[in-house]
Structures are given as structure tokens and as C-alpha cells.
Protein backbone atom coordinates (compact mmCIF):
# COMPACT_ATOMS: atom_id res chain seq x y z
CA MET A 1 -16.45 -9.48 -21.08
CA ALA A 2 -18.58 -10.42 -18.33
CA GLU A 3 -22.20 -9.54 -18.23
CA ARG A 4 -22.59 -5.91 -16.64
CA ALA A 5 -25.13 -6.81 -13.87
CA ILE A 6 -22.66 -9.41 -12.82
CA THR A 7 -19.62 -6.95 -13.09
CA VAL A 8 -21.26 -4.62 -10.91
CA ALA A 9 -22.91 -6.78 -8.49
CA ALA A 10 -18.97 -8.41 -7.95
CA TRP A 11 -17.50 -4.94 -7.72
CA GLU A 12 -20.34 -3.90 -5.07
CA SER A 13 -19.41 -6.91 -3.13
CA LEU A 14 -15.63 -6.47 -3.32
CA PHE A 15 -16.07 -2.69 -2.16
CA ARG A 16 -18.52 -4.03 0.54
CA ALA A 17 -16.00 -6.38 1.70
CA GLN A 18 -13.07 -3.83 1.64
CA VAL A 19 -14.85 -0.99 3.80
CA THR A 20 -16.21 -3.70 6.36
CA ILE A 21 -12.81 -5.24 6.75
CA MET A 22 -11.16 -1.82 6.87
CA ARG A 23 -13.42 -0.26 9.47
CA ALA A 24 -12.63 -3.51 11.77
CA LEU A 25 -8.83 -3.19 10.99
CA ALA A 26 -8.71 0.35 11.62
CA ALA A 27 -10.88 -0.06 14.82
CA GLU A 28 -8.18 -2.01 16.31
CA PHE A 29 -5.40 -0.77 14.66
CA PRO A 30 -2.57 1.15 17.29
CA SER A 31 -3.07 4.34 15.97
CA GLY A 32 -1.60 6.27 18.97
CA VAL A 33 1.48 4.95 18.01
CA ILE A 34 1.00 5.40 14.55
CA SER A 35 -1.39 6.41 11.77
CA LEU A 36 -2.38 3.62 9.27
CA ASN A 37 -0.89 5.61 6.03
CA GLU A 38 2.45 5.99 8.51
CA TYR A 39 2.23 2.33 8.70
CA ASP A 40 1.74 1.72 4.92
CA VAL A 41 4.80 3.88 4.11
CA LEU A 42 6.74 2.06 6.33
CA PHE A 43 5.64 -0.95 5.25
CA ASN A 44 6.25 -0.27 1.25
CA ILE A 45 10.05 0.77 2.56
CA THR A 46 10.49 -2.36 4.41
CA ARG A 47 9.23 -4.47 1.47
CA ALA A 48 11.97 -2.30 -0.98
CA PRO A 49 15.58 -4.02 -1.46
CA GLY A 50 17.92 -2.83 1.62
CA ARG A 51 14.62 -0.96 2.97
CA ARG A 52 15.34 2.22 0.52
CA LEU A 53 12.85 3.27 -1.68
CA ARG A 54 12.57 5.99 -4.14
CA LEU A 55 9.98 8.62 -3.13
CA LYS A 56 8.54 8.17 -6.64
CA ASP A 57 8.16 4.63 -6.37
CA LEU A 58 7.01 4.84 -2.80
CA ASN A 59 4.25 7.34 -4.42
CA ARG A 60 3.20 4.81 -6.63
CA SER A 61 2.44 2.10 -4.08
CA VAL A 62 0.83 4.10 -0.88
CA LEU A 63 -3.06 4.97 -0.80
CA ILE A 64 -2.56 8.32 -0.43
CA THR A 65 -1.72 11.16 -2.63
CA GLN A 66 1.61 12.27 -3.82
CA PRO A 67 1.72 15.77 -1.84
CA SER A 68 0.72 13.85 1.11
CA VAL A 69 3.07 11.27 0.73
CA SER A 70 5.86 14.10 0.69
CA ARG A 71 4.30 15.71 3.82
CA LEU A 72 3.99 12.45 5.56
CA VAL A 73 7.51 11.50 5.04
CA ASP A 74 8.92 14.73 6.28
CA ARG A 75 6.73 14.19 9.47
CA LEU A 76 8.47 10.42 9.57
CA THR A 77 12.08 12.16 8.86
CA SER A 78 11.23 14.42 11.87
CA ARG A 79 10.46 11.40 14.24
CA GLY A 80 13.40 9.44 13.44
CA LEU A 81 11.84 6.99 11.71
CA VAL A 82 12.68 7.37 7.83
CA THR A 83 15.86 9.38 6.39
CA LYS A 84 15.55 10.82 2.84
CA GLU A 85 18.63 11.45 0.70
CA HIS A 86 19.59 12.44 -2.78
CA ASP A 87 19.10 9.93 -5.32
CA PRO A 88 22.58 9.30 -6.87
CA GLU A 89 21.42 7.70 -9.61
CA ASP A 90 18.55 10.75 -10.46
CA GLY A 91 19.90 14.10 -8.70
CA ARG A 92 16.20 15.11 -9.02
CA GLY A 93 15.08 12.00 -6.85
CA THR A 94 15.02 11.26 -3.24
CA ILE A 95 15.89 7.98 -1.47
CA VAL A 96 13.68 7.35 1.81
CA ALA A 97 15.24 4.70 4.17
CA ILE A 98 13.98 3.26 7.46
CA THR A 99 15.87 4.02 10.18
CA ASP A 100 16.41 1.10 13.01
CA GLU A 101 14.35 2.88 15.54
CA GLY A 102 11.29 3.12 12.77
CA PHE A 103 11.85 -0.63 11.64
CA THR A 104 11.45 -1.58 15.12
CA LEU A 105 8.05 0.42 15.77
CA PHE A 106 7.02 -1.12 12.22
CA ARG A 107 7.59 -4.69 13.61
CA SER A 108 5.60 -3.92 17.03
CA VAL A 109 2.76 -2.46 15.39
CA ALA A 110 2.90 -5.42 12.28
CA PHE A 111 2.27 -7.77 14.70
CA THR A 112 -0.72 -6.33 16.26
CA HIS A 113 -2.09 -5.40 12.89
CA VAL A 114 -1.12 -9.06 11.54
CA ASP A 115 -2.86 -10.36 14.16
CA ALA A 116 -6.00 -8.55 13.36
CA ILE A 117 -6.32 -9.29 9.89
CA THR A 118 -6.23 -12.96 10.47
CA ARG A 119 -8.98 -12.74 12.91
CA HIS A 120 -10.69 -10.81 10.06
CA VAL A 121 -9.66 -12.19 6.93
CA GLY A 122 -8.19 -15.46 7.71
CA SER A 123 -10.91 -16.39 9.76
CA SER A 124 -13.59 -16.20 7.09
CA LEU A 125 -11.76 -18.02 4.28
CA ASP A 126 -9.84 -21.25 4.03
CA GLU A 127 -6.20 -21.38 2.48
CA ASP A 128 -7.19 -22.18 -1.01
CA GLU A 129 -9.97 -19.57 -0.58
CA LEU A 130 -7.02 -17.13 0.47
CA ARG A 131 -4.99 -18.28 -2.47
CA THR A 132 -7.63 -17.62 -4.91
CA LEU A 133 -9.06 -14.41 -3.53
CA THR A 134 -5.29 -13.14 -3.84
CA GLU A 135 -4.54 -14.42 -7.36
CA LEU A 136 -8.09 -12.45 -8.26
CA CYS A 137 -7.19 -9.38 -6.50
CA ASP A 138 -3.79 -9.53 -8.12
CA ARG A 139 -5.41 -10.04 -11.41
CA LEU A 140 -7.93 -7.16 -10.85
CA ARG A 141 -5.19 -4.89 -10.11
CA LEU A 142 -2.65 -5.55 -12.70
CA GLY A 143 -5.76 -5.64 -15.56
CA VAL A 144 -6.30 -2.05 -14.28
CA SER A 145 -2.73 -1.10 -14.40
CA GLU A 146 -2.27 -2.32 -17.64
CA GLU A 147 -5.28 -0.09 -18.64
CA GLN A 148 -3.75 2.64 -17.55
CA ARG A 149 -0.61 2.38 -19.16
CA ALA A 150 -2.37 1.64 -22.63
CA GLN A 151 -4.36 4.95 -21.97
CA ARG A 152 -1.25 6.73 -21.29
CA SER A 153 0.75 5.77 -24.43
CA ASP A 154 -2.54 6.20 -26.33
CA GLU A 155 -2.61 10.21 -25.02
CA SER A 156 0.96 10.43 -25.92
CA PRO A 157 1.79 12.48 -28.98
CA GLU A 158 3.51 10.71 -31.56
CA ALA A 159 7.53 11.49 -32.08
């Protein structure tokens, strides 16, 4: 385990970089067309097989809370950007799918957003550094996920 001071300094640096970059990206994001949260939902759906995703799985992937995701999905549905249907494998579940109109809108916004990401992130790091950053961030994310799973299993009553 790393020394606490080094760990806190690394976290502070990561956090400040993330906030600075997110502010720059948000300033350039075409929010008159779609919000960043709506984009995040559409992004996650487009990455799923068949561009369909269980609402439960969508909740795990996006950066907003479960009640907010449900309301946002309802708004996207009313705009014709996604559809909702009952999950045939789980009657209590809901499948969210992106419509053709939603995908067209997503793609047009994605081109603009990717250009901004490339300028703000890709101009500061070379390709090897970007690969290393991706690997390190994935390890951090997966490490926290493993910790959370272990905590949940420790809290579960034994049968």
C-alpha cells in the first residue's frame, strides 16, 4: 500500500485535472441540443449490444442517481430519442433502446464532443501516456468496484 501523503496528492491531482477538463468540455458542449447527462445516457445505450440496455444496467453506468436516470429516460422517451419496453426475461425490468432519431442526434453531438476531448486531453499527452492513463484509471475504477462488492458480501447475512 502506498504512503498516505502520496496517495492523497495523487487523488488531489486526478480530481483537479478531472474538474478542469470537465469544465472545459462542458463549456463547449452543445447543451442547446442535448444535456451532458442525456448524452451520457445515449452514449451508454449505444455501447450496449443491439443499442438496448436494461434500465438497471444503465443506472450502474451513468453519473447520476437512479431516480434522476428514470426521469431523464422518460424525457428522452417523450422526445422520441429512446423507447422503453418491459424486459421479456424479467417482468419487473425495463429495456431502454435508442431510436434512429436518437442515434442520429447522438452521433452529431458525439463528433463535436470528441473533437473537444481530443483537443483538451489528446493535446496534453502522447499516445503511450494516454494508454497508460487509461490503464491506470481502469485499475482505479475496478479496484473500487471490487472493494464495494467485498463490502456488500461482508454486510450480507449468512444463510
